[in-house]
Amino acid sequence: MTDPRSQPVNVPGGSNATYGPIRREDQHFRIDGLAVAPTPIVVDSFFFVLLRGQIEKSGPTAGSEIQDADLASATLDITISTAYADGQVDEPWTVIIPLLTRTWRPDAHIAIRDKDGAHVEQLTTDGFNDILADMSLLSTFTHTGVWTFQFVARLADDRCLFAISLTQYLKGGIEQPPAPRVPVS
């Protein structure tokens, strides 16, 4: 019999996102919904993400009350891996950015809204927050395959705000998997 705790738990909303790699019970941001549009993601055009939820101040462990000041230094780890039709799988790679309203690249932005819908610099502990992201993946640099995106938001003390995983098939401009990487000695 399979342990139900080991089964992926779907994130509410209209995507195939699941909680993880950190258990939902150990996350401080209670997700109300996640939407990704269009789904599946289309390369060479913008796609949009809306994550709505609220900070649970007390959190899953005693003595771990979160303050707005804690959220000013939150980061978002984005880990990406790709599986190809021939069975080859890329080594995952990670980018870490501040979880703040900002331009990440010319074609990638993150905006945060508070409970009143006002754009704010960071997440707040006062009610619902929306995290909005828009981005474009260029086919010139995108290999066709099944892409897995893991998003883990953390506080400076390593407490987890949210951890979700989203898998999408992307039709890129590069059909062959990349050549295997050869370690440099």
C-alpha atoms as a PDB file:
ATOM      1  CA  MET A   1       0.000   0.000   0.000  1.00  0.00           C
ATOM      2  CA  THR A   2       1.300   3.459  -0.901  1.00  0.00           C
ATOM      3  CA  ASP A   3       1.812   6.006   1.854  1.00  0.00           C
ATOM      4  CA  PRO A   4      -0.589   8.894   1.029  1.00  0.00           C
ATOM      5  CA  ARG A   5       1.948  11.377   2.434  1.00  0.00           C
ATOM      6  CA  SER A   6       4.339  10.455  -0.400  1.00  0.00           C
ATOM      7  CA  GLN A   7       1.778  11.298  -3.106  1.00  0.00           C
ATOM      8  CA  PRO A   8       2.101  14.734  -4.739  1.00  0.00           C
ATOM      9  CA  VAL A   9      -0.457  17.246  -3.475  1.00  0.00           C
ATOM     10  CA  ASN A  10      -1.878  19.535  -6.158  1.00  0.00           C
ATOM     11  CA  VAL A  11      -1.697  23.293  -5.716  1.00  0.00           C
ATOM     12  CA  PRO A  12      -5.183  24.865  -6.003  1.00  0.00           C
ATOM     13  CA  GLY A  13      -5.908  26.528  -9.343  1.00  0.00           C
ATOM     14  CA  GLY A  14      -5.776  25.717 -13.011  1.00  0.00           C
ATOM     15  CA  SER A  15      -2.338  24.160 -13.443  1.00  0.00           C
ATOM     16  CA  ASN A  16      -0.574  20.851 -12.888  1.00  0.00           C
ATOM     17  CA  ALA A  17       1.568  22.334 -10.103  1.00  0.00           C
ATOM     18  CA  THR A  18       2.199  20.311  -6.972  1.00  0.00           C
ATOM     19  CA  TYR A  19       3.593  21.181  -3.558  1.00  0.00           C
ATOM     20  CA  GLY A  20       7.221  20.255  -3.061  1.00  0.00           C
ATOM     21  CA  PRO A  21      10.095  19.681  -2.565  1.00  0.00           C
ATOM     22  CA  ILE A  22       9.212  20.967   0.923  1.00  0.00           C
ATOM     23  CA  ARG A  23       6.048  19.562   2.509  1.00  0.00           C
ATOM     24  CA  ARG A  24       3.004  21.826   2.359  1.00  0.00           C
ATOM     25  CA  GLU A  25       2.673  21.575   6.139  1.00  0.00           C
ATOM     26  CA  ASP A  26       6.129  23.197   6.527  1.00  0.00           C
ATOM     27  CA  GLN A  27       5.313  26.193   4.315  1.00  0.00           C
ATOM     28  CA  HIS A  28       4.280  29.598   5.712  1.00  0.00           C
ATOM     29  CA  PHE A  29       2.454  30.945   2.620  1.00  0.00           C
ATOM     30  CA  ARG A  30      -0.997  29.363   2.307  1.00  0.00           C
ATOM     31  CA  ILE A  31      -1.768  29.222  -1.402  1.00  0.00           C
ATOM     32  CA  ASP A  32      -5.308  30.126  -2.403  1.00  0.00           C
ATOM     33  CA  GLY A  33      -4.663  29.591  -6.111  1.00  0.00           C
ATOM     34  CA  LEU A  34      -2.094  29.404  -8.893  1.00  0.00           C
ATOM     35  CA  ALA A  35      -2.849  30.199 -12.522  1.00  0.00           C
ATOM     36  CA  VAL A  36      -0.504  29.906 -15.516  1.00  0.00           C
ATOM     37  CA  ALA A  37      -1.602  31.281 -18.882  1.00  0.00           C
ATOM     38  CA  PRO A  38      -1.379  30.109 -21.503  1.00  0.00           C
ATOM     39  CA  THR A  39      -1.167  26.462 -20.526  1.00  0.00           C
ATOM     40  CA  PRO A  40       0.796  24.817 -21.955  1.00  0.00           C
ATOM     41  CA  ILE A  41       3.397  27.583 -22.095  1.00  0.00           C
ATOM     42  CA  VAL A  42       4.161  28.723 -25.648  1.00  0.00           C
ATOM     43  CA  VAL A  43       7.733  29.790 -26.453  1.00  0.00           C
ATOM     44  CA  ASP A  44       8.372  33.118 -28.213  1.00  0.00           C
ATOM     45  CA  SER A  45       5.420  34.757 -26.490  1.00  0.00           C
ATOM     46  CA  PHE A  46       4.794  35.967 -22.973  1.00  0.00           C
ATOM     47  CA  PHE A  47       3.226  33.693 -20.386  1.00  0.00           C
ATOM     48  CA  PHE A  48       1.800  34.856 -17.090  1.00  0.00           C
ATOM     49  CA  VAL A  49       1.682  33.436 -13.579  1.00  0.00           C
ATOM     50  CA  LEU A  50      -0.578  34.518 -10.719  1.00  0.00           C
ATOM     51  CA  LEU A  51       0.032  33.061  -7.259  1.00  0.00           C
ATOM     52  CA  ARG A  52      -2.409  34.185  -4.557  1.00  0.00           C
ATOM     53  CA  GLY A  53      -2.191  33.413  -0.864  1.00  0.00           C
ATOM     54  CA  GLN A  54      -1.387  34.741   2.555  1.00  0.00           C
ATOM     55  CA  ILE A  55       1.368  34.484   5.113  1.00  0.00           C
ATOM     56  CA  GLU A  56       0.548  32.454   8.186  1.00  0.00           C
ATOM     57  CA  LYS A  57       2.297  34.555  10.794  1.00  0.00           C
ATOM     58  CA  SER A  58       2.616  31.803  13.371  1.00  0.00           C
ATOM     59  CA  GLY A  59       3.794  29.212  10.889  1.00  0.00           C
ATOM     60  CA  PRO A  60       4.038  25.461  11.394  1.00  0.00           C
ATOM     61  CA  THR A  61       6.476  25.619  14.338  1.00  0.00           C
ATOM     62  CA  ALA A  62       6.178  27.363  17.678  1.00  0.00           C
ATOM     63  CA  GLY A  63       8.076  30.628  18.060  1.00  0.00           C
ATOM     64  CA  SER A  64       8.322  31.238  14.338  1.00  0.00           C
ATOM     65  CA  GLU A  65       6.110  34.317  13.938  1.00  0.00           C
ATOM     66  CA  ILE A  66       6.866  36.118  10.682  1.00  0.00           C
ATOM     67  CA  GLN A  67       7.123  39.911  10.585  1.00  0.00           C
ATOM     68  CA  ASP A  68       6.988  42.165   7.522  1.00  0.00           C
ATOM     69  CA  ALA A  69      10.693  42.923   8.072  1.00  0.00           C
ATOM     70  CA  ASP A  70      11.456  39.195   7.596  1.00  0.00           C
ATOM     71  CA  LEU A  71       9.808  39.296   4.163  1.00  0.00           C
ATOM     72  CA  ALA A  72      12.088  42.104   2.913  1.00  0.00           C
ATOM     73  CA  SER A  73      14.968  39.641   2.507  1.00  0.00           C
ATOM     74  CA  ALA A  74      12.967  36.712   1.106  1.00  0.00           C
ATOM     75  CA  THR A  75      14.412  34.974  -1.939  1.00  0.00           C
ATOM     76  CA  LEU A  76      12.973  32.847  -4.722  1.00  0.00           C
ATOM     77  CA  ASP A  77      14.994  29.826  -5.867  1.00  0.00           C
ATOM     78  CA  ILE A  78      14.022  28.767  -9.389  1.00  0.00           C
ATOM     79  CA  THR A  79      15.352  25.322 -10.324  1.00  0.00           C
ATOM     80  CA  ILE A  80      14.902  24.083 -13.877  1.00  0.00           C
ATOM     81  CA  SER A  81      15.484  20.664 -15.401  1.00  0.00           C
ATOM     82  CA  THR A  82      14.567  19.199 -18.762  1.00  0.00           C
ATOM     83  CA  ALA A  83      13.841  15.646 -19.938  1.00  0.00           C
ATOM     84  CA  TYR A  84      14.191  14.902 -23.656  1.00  0.00           C
ATOM     85  CA  ALA A  85      12.496  12.417 -25.984  1.00  0.00           C
ATOM     86  CA  ASP A  86      15.645  10.251 -26.101  1.00  0.00           C
ATOM     87  CA  GLY A  87      15.544   9.800 -22.319  1.00  0.00           C
ATOM     88  CA  GLN A  88      18.394  12.204 -21.585  1.00  0.00           C
ATOM     89  CA  VAL A  89      17.808  14.461 -18.580  1.00  0.00           C
ATOM     90  CA  ASP A  90      19.645  17.722 -17.931  1.00  0.00           C
ATOM     91  CA  GLU A  91      21.304  18.393 -14.617  1.00  0.00           C
ATOM     92  CA  PRO A  92      19.028  20.820 -12.768  1.00  0.00           C
ATOM     93  CA  TRP A  93      20.268  24.404 -12.519  1.00  0.00           C
ATOM     94  CA  THR A  94      19.129  27.074 -10.094  1.00  0.00           C
ATOM     95  CA  VAL A  95      18.764  30.843 -10.172  1.00  0.00           C
ATOM     96  CA  ILE A  96      18.146  32.740  -6.923  1.00  0.00           C
ATOM     97  CA  ILE A  97      16.478  36.146  -7.045  1.00  0.00           C
ATOM     98  CA  PRO A  98      15.027  38.469  -4.395  1.00  0.00           C
ATOM     99  CA  LEU A  99      11.290  37.906  -3.877  1.00  0.00           C
ATOM    100  CA  LEU A 100      10.512  41.564  -4.488  1.00  0.00           C
ATOM    101  CA  THR A 101       8.684  43.580  -7.127  1.00  0.00           C
ATOM    102  CA  ARG A 102      11.351  43.927  -9.815  1.00  0.00           C
ATOM    103  CA  THR A 103      12.462  43.436 -13.371  1.00  0.00           C
ATOM    104  CA  TRP A 104      14.421  40.206 -13.465  1.00  0.00           C
ATOM    105  CA  ARG A 105      15.380  40.429 -17.154  1.00  0.00           C
ATOM    106  CA  PRO A 106      14.069  42.651 -19.964  1.00  0.00           C
ATOM    107  CA  ASP A 107      11.509  39.923 -20.712  1.00  0.00           C
ATOM    108  CA  ALA A 108      10.787  38.799 -17.129  1.00  0.00           C
ATOM    109  CA  HIS A 109       9.090  40.712 -14.322  1.00  0.00           C
ATOM    110  CA  ILE A 110       7.702  40.037 -10.861  1.00  0.00           C
ATOM    111  CA  ALA A 111       5.101  42.258  -9.213  1.00  0.00           C
ATOM    112  CA  ILE A 112       3.576  41.879  -5.763  1.00  0.00           C
ATOM    113  CA  ARG A 113       0.167  43.225  -4.753  1.00  0.00           C
ATOM    114  CA  ASP A 114      -1.216  43.555  -1.252  1.00  0.00           C
ATOM    115  CA  LYS A 115      -4.729  42.730   0.018  1.00  0.00           C
ATOM    116  CA  ASP A 116      -6.094  45.970  -1.508  1.00  0.00           C
ATOM    117  CA  GLY A 117      -4.547  45.282  -4.919  1.00  0.00           C
ATOM    118  CA  ALA A 118      -1.902  47.999  -4.528  1.00  0.00           C
ATOM    119  CA  HIS A 119       1.538  47.232  -5.957  1.00  0.00           C
ATOM    120  CA  VAL A 120       4.042  46.854  -3.127  1.00  0.00           C
ATOM    121  CA  GLU A 121       7.760  46.148  -2.915  1.00  0.00           C
ATOM    122  CA  GLN A 122       7.470  42.907  -0.903  1.00  0.00           C
ATOM    123  CA  LEU A 123       5.010  40.395   0.519  1.00  0.00           C
ATOM    124  CA  THR A 124       3.090  41.529   3.602  1.00  0.00           C
ATOM    125  CA  THR A 125       1.694  39.713   6.620  1.00  0.00           C
ATOM    126  CA  ASP A 126      -1.583  41.660   6.431  1.00  0.00           C
ATOM    127  CA  GLY A 127      -4.016  39.549   4.410  1.00  0.00           C
ATOM    128  CA  PHE A 128      -3.782  38.198   0.887  1.00  0.00           C
ATOM    129  CA  ASN A 129      -0.850  38.779  -1.464  1.00  0.00           C
ATOM    130  CA  ASP A 130      -0.697  38.316  -5.217  1.00  0.00           C
ATOM    131  CA  ILE A 131       2.586  37.453  -6.891  1.00  0.00           C
ATOM    132  CA  LEU A 132       2.365  38.185 -10.607  1.00  0.00           C
ATOM    133  CA  ALA A 133       5.068  37.166 -13.048  1.00  0.00           C
ATOM    134  CA  ASP A 134       5.419  37.511 -16.783  1.00  0.00           C
ATOM    135  CA  MET A 135       8.158  36.025 -18.894  1.00  0.00           C
ATOM    136  CA  SER A 136       9.071  34.935 -22.391  1.00  0.00           C
ATOM    137  CA  LEU A 137      11.158  31.901 -23.335  1.00  0.00           C
ATOM    138  CA  LEU A 138      12.869  32.317 -26.684  1.00  0.00           C
ATOM    139  CA  SER A 139      12.735  29.299 -29.002  1.00  0.00           C
ATOM    140  CA  THR A 140      16.279  30.061 -30.156  1.00  0.00           C
ATOM    141  CA  PHE A 141      17.551  28.973 -26.735  1.00  0.00           C
ATOM    142  CA  THR A 142      14.871  26.438 -25.793  1.00  0.00           C
ATOM    143  CA  HIS A 143      15.281  22.699 -26.297  1.00  0.00           C
ATOM    144  CA  THR A 144      12.090  20.739 -26.945  1.00  0.00           C
ATOM    145  CA  GLY A 145      11.255  18.548 -23.967  1.00  0.00           C
ATOM    146  CA  VAL A 146       9.463  18.221 -20.678  1.00  0.00           C
ATOM    147  CA  TRP A 147      10.562  21.080 -18.441  1.00  0.00           C
ATOM    148  CA  THR A 148      10.199  21.005 -14.668  1.00  0.00           C
ATOM    149  CA  PHE A 149      10.252  24.311 -12.813  1.00  0.00           C
ATOM    150  CA  GLN A 150      10.636  24.276  -9.021  1.00  0.00           C
ATOM    151  CA  PHE A 151       9.957  27.482  -7.120  1.00  0.00           C
ATOM    152  CA  VAL A 152      11.049  27.698  -3.489  1.00  0.00           C
ATOM    153  CA  ALA A 153      10.594  30.981  -1.610  1.00  0.00           C
ATOM    154  CA  ARG A 154      12.580  31.289   1.609  1.00  0.00           C
ATOM    155  CA  LEU A 155      13.222  33.738   4.386  1.00  0.00           C
ATOM    156  CA  ALA A 156      16.800  34.655   5.322  1.00  0.00           C
ATOM    157  CA  ASP A 157      16.653  32.143   8.212  1.00  0.00           C
ATOM    158  CA  ASP A 158      15.751  29.394   5.666  1.00  0.00           C
ATOM    159  CA  ARG A 159      12.076  29.072   6.678  1.00  0.00           C
ATOM    160  CA  CYS A 160      10.023  28.156   3.633  1.00  0.00           C
ATOM    161  CA  LEU A 161       7.274  30.475   2.399  1.00  0.00           C
ATOM    162  CA  PHE A 162       6.215  28.215  -0.467  1.00  0.00           C
ATOM    163  CA  ALA A 163       7.623  25.372  -2.537  1.00  0.00           C
ATOM    164  CA  ILE A 164       5.913  24.273  -5.731  1.00  0.00           C
ATOM    165  CA  SER A 165       6.803  22.286  -8.825  1.00  0.00           C
ATOM    166  CA  LEU A 166       5.323  22.790 -12.296  1.00  0.00           C
ATOM    167  CA  THR A 167       5.937  20.549 -15.325  1.00  0.00           C
ATOM    168  CA  GLN A 168       5.293  21.661 -18.912  1.00  0.00           C
ATOM    169  CA  TYR A 169       6.097  20.272 -22.355  1.00  0.00           C
ATOM    170  CA  LEU A 170       7.846  23.049 -24.288  1.00  0.00           C
ATOM    171  CA  LYS A 171       8.227  22.990 -28.062  1.00  0.00           C
ATOM    172  CA  GLY A 172      11.467  24.866 -28.552  1.00  0.00           C
ATOM    173  CA  GLY A 173      13.483  25.802 -31.579  1.00  0.00           C
ATOM    174  CA  ILE A 174      16.137  23.194 -30.778  1.00  0.00           C
ATOM    175  CA  GLU A 175      14.942  19.623 -31.329  1.00  0.00           C
ATOM    176  CA  GLN A 176      18.090  17.718 -30.318  1.00  0.00           C
ATOM    177  CA  PRO A 177      19.067  17.475 -26.679  1.00  0.00           C
ATOM    178  CA  PRO A 178      22.234  19.348 -25.798  1.00  0.00           C
ATOM    179  CA  ALA A 179      25.514  17.474 -26.046  1.00  0.00           C
ATOM    180  CA  PRO A 180      26.486  15.813 -22.777  1.00  0.00           C
ATOM    181  CA  ARG A 181      28.576  18.086 -20.615  1.00  0.00           C
ATOM    182  CA  VAL A 182      32.193  17.032 -20.226  1.00  0.00           C
ATOM    183  CA  PRO A 183      33.750  17.937 -16.880  1.00  0.00           C
ATOM    184  CA  VAL A 184      36.774  20.204 -17.118  1.00  0.00           C
ATOM    185  CA  SER A 185      39.745  18.897 -15.172  1.00  0.00           C
END
